[in-house]
């Protein structure tokens, strides 16, 4: 993993987006992500919508040994109308633990989780029967996946919303 920006806490404003949300097994999740990125890109073109970027992968519920509730989205300049497949939503405002990296997503996630624990930060999440449900956990793709197909070259910003409680 190449760490481009170290772990830190940032305050983020609410951001409008459109996205496609699915439940899929952890195994094969990245192929699903790639398919959804293509589908969402085509939807934007068909509707003559210029995305504000970036594209991102939001993880709503994580179960590494079962289904993952995930969403591929793109930040938009304001609220947009969607349809049955592509839906408008919001990345919530708040404090986020974040870092920026290139290559090795699992290592980057582990690094941010370990750093956050060392800082006594608490992720805004809860246990559910389906897995770990996050208020907002996402990977923003600073590199546009439409122009750089090699994911090992992507610059990715991890964001985990944290609670205000120490």
Foldseek 3Di string as FASTA:
>chain_A
DFFDFDKDKDWDAKFKKKKFKDKDALVCVVVVLVVRLVVVVVVCVVVVHDFPDDWKKKWFFDDNGGITTIMIITTHPDFDCDDPGIHMDMQHTAMKTKTKGADDPVVVVVNSVVVCVVVVWAFQWDQDPRHIGHSIWMKGFPDHCVVPVDRNGTIIMTITGTDPPD
